[in-house]
Amino acid sequence: MARTNYAFEKRQRDLAKKKKKEEKRRRKAELKADPSKAPDPDTPATPDTPATPDTPDTPEANEPTA
């Protein structure tokens, strides 16, 4: 049975974090240079998601059945 290579997994996670951080830094620098590209605060970030969850917030609906 093959052993888990934790060093490889850690390196992959670190590279993903570094890439995400760099993209975020680049976006912020771009927005600072050209504020007209900033997203409109009145519009939702993801228009495909519903405003309300599919399950109702009534206590009866949230109780598990025994």
C-alpha atoms as a PDB file:
ATOM      1  CA  MET A   1       0.000   0.000   0.000  1.00  0.00           C
ATOM      2  CA  ALA A   2       1.343   3.442  -0.926  1.00  0.00           C
ATOM      3  CA  ARG A   3       2.110   5.952   1.790  1.00  0.00           C
ATOM      4  CA  THR A   4       0.643   9.433   1.721  1.00  0.00           C
ATOM      5  CA  ASN A   5       3.134  12.055   0.605  1.00  0.00           C
ATOM      6  CA  TYR A   6       2.295  14.828   3.054  1.00  0.00           C
ATOM      7  CA  ALA A   7       5.138  17.060   1.857  1.00  0.00           C
ATOM      8  CA  PHE A   8       3.738  17.021  -1.681  1.00  0.00           C
ATOM      9  CA  GLU A   9       0.215  17.798  -0.458  1.00  0.00           C
ATOM     10  CA  LYS A  10       1.504  20.639   1.720  1.00  0.00           C
ATOM     11  CA  ARG A  11       3.482  22.080  -1.191  1.00  0.00           C
ATOM     12  CA  GLN A  12       0.390  21.958  -3.406  1.00  0.00           C
ATOM     13  CA  ARG A  13      -1.698  23.742  -0.750  1.00  0.00           C
ATOM     14  CA  ASP A  14       1.000  26.382  -0.301  1.00  0.00           C
ATOM     15  CA  LEU A  15       1.239  26.952  -4.052  1.00  0.00           C
ATOM     16  CA  ALA A  16      -2.548  27.312  -4.287  1.00  0.00           C
ATOM     17  CA  LYS A  17      -2.555  29.824  -1.410  1.00  0.00           C
ATOM     18  CA  LYS A  18       0.290  31.775  -2.993  1.00  0.00           C
ATOM     19  CA  LYS A  19      -1.502  31.872  -6.364  1.00  0.00           C
ATOM     20  CA  LYS A  20      -4.767  33.020  -4.791  1.00  0.00           C
ATOM     21  CA  LYS A  21      -2.983  35.694  -2.756  1.00  0.00           C
ATOM     22  CA  GLU A  22      -1.158  36.977  -5.837  1.00  0.00           C
ATOM     23  CA  GLU A  23      -4.404  37.147  -7.848  1.00  0.00           C
ATOM     24  CA  LYS A  24      -6.074  39.059  -5.018  1.00  0.00           C
ATOM     25  CA  ARG A  25      -3.122  41.454  -4.775  1.00  0.00           C
ATOM     26  CA  ARG A  26      -3.249  41.997  -8.554  1.00  0.00           C
ATOM     27  CA  ARG A  27      -7.020  42.671  -8.468  1.00  0.00           C
ATOM     28  CA  LYS A  28      -6.620  45.178  -5.653  1.00  0.00           C
ATOM     29  CA  ALA A  29      -3.821  46.955  -7.506  1.00  0.00           C
ATOM     30  CA  GLU A  30      -5.952  47.049 -10.652  1.00  0.00           C
ATOM     31  CA  LEU A  31      -8.924  48.512  -8.763  1.00  0.00           C
ATOM     32  CA  LYS A  32      -6.690  51.080  -7.115  1.00  0.00           C
ATOM     33  CA  ALA A  33      -5.329  52.122 -10.524  1.00  0.00           C
ATOM     34  CA  ASP A  34      -8.773  52.252 -12.194  1.00  0.00           C
ATOM     35  CA  PRO A  35     -11.669  52.646  -9.701  1.00  0.00           C
ATOM     36  CA  SER A  36     -14.238  52.578 -12.536  1.00  0.00           C
ATOM     37  CA  LYS A  37     -13.769  48.774 -12.667  1.00  0.00           C
ATOM     38  CA  ALA A  38     -15.018  48.387  -9.092  1.00  0.00           C
ATOM     39  CA  PRO A  39     -18.175  46.244  -8.750  1.00  0.00           C
ATOM     40  CA  ASP A  40     -21.424  48.045  -7.986  1.00  0.00           C
ATOM     41  CA  PRO A  41     -22.258  47.560  -4.276  1.00  0.00           C
ATOM     42  CA  ASP A  42     -26.013  47.489  -5.019  1.00  0.00           C
ATOM     43  CA  THR A  43     -25.818  44.382  -7.188  1.00  0.00           C
ATOM     44  CA  PRO A  44     -25.399  40.923  -5.635  1.00  0.00           C
ATOM     45  CA  ALA A  45     -22.068  39.189  -6.124  1.00  0.00           C
ATOM     46  CA  THR A  46     -23.719  36.017  -7.447  1.00  0.00           C
ATOM     47  CA  PRO A  47     -27.069  36.624  -9.148  1.00  0.00           C
ATOM     48  CA  ASP A  48     -27.702  32.886  -9.651  1.00  0.00           C
ATOM     49  CA  THR A  49     -28.095  32.160  -5.936  1.00  0.00           C
ATOM     50  CA  PRO A  50     -31.576  32.566  -4.475  1.00  0.00           C
ATOM     51  CA  ALA A  51     -32.159  35.220  -1.822  1.00  0.00           C
ATOM     52  CA  THR A  52     -33.916  32.754   0.483  1.00  0.00           C
ATOM     53  CA  PRO A  53     -32.888  29.192   1.336  1.00  0.00           C
ATOM     54  CA  ASP A  54     -34.908  26.252   0.042  1.00  0.00           C
ATOM     55  CA  THR A  55     -35.848  25.104   3.542  1.00  0.00           C
ATOM     56  CA  PRO A  56     -38.305  27.125   5.624  1.00  0.00           C
ATOM     57  CA  ASP A  57     -37.199  28.642   8.927  1.00  0.00           C
ATOM     58  CA  THR A  58     -40.059  27.170  10.929  1.00  0.00           C
ATOM     59  CA  PRO A  59     -39.145  25.089  13.991  1.00  0.00           C
ATOM     60  CA  GLU A  60     -41.285  22.189  12.763  1.00  0.00           C
ATOM     61  CA  ALA A  61     -39.284  21.935   9.543  1.00  0.00           C
ATOM     62  CA  ASN A  62     -35.928  21.973  11.357  1.00  0.00           C
ATOM     63  CA  GLU A  63     -36.746  19.237  13.877  1.00  0.00           C
ATOM     64  CA  PRO A  64     -35.303  15.805  13.065  1.00  0.00           C
ATOM     65  CA  THR A  65     -37.750  12.969  12.769  1.00  0.00           C
ATOM     66  CA  ALA A  66     -37.320  10.229  15.381  1.00  0.00           C
END
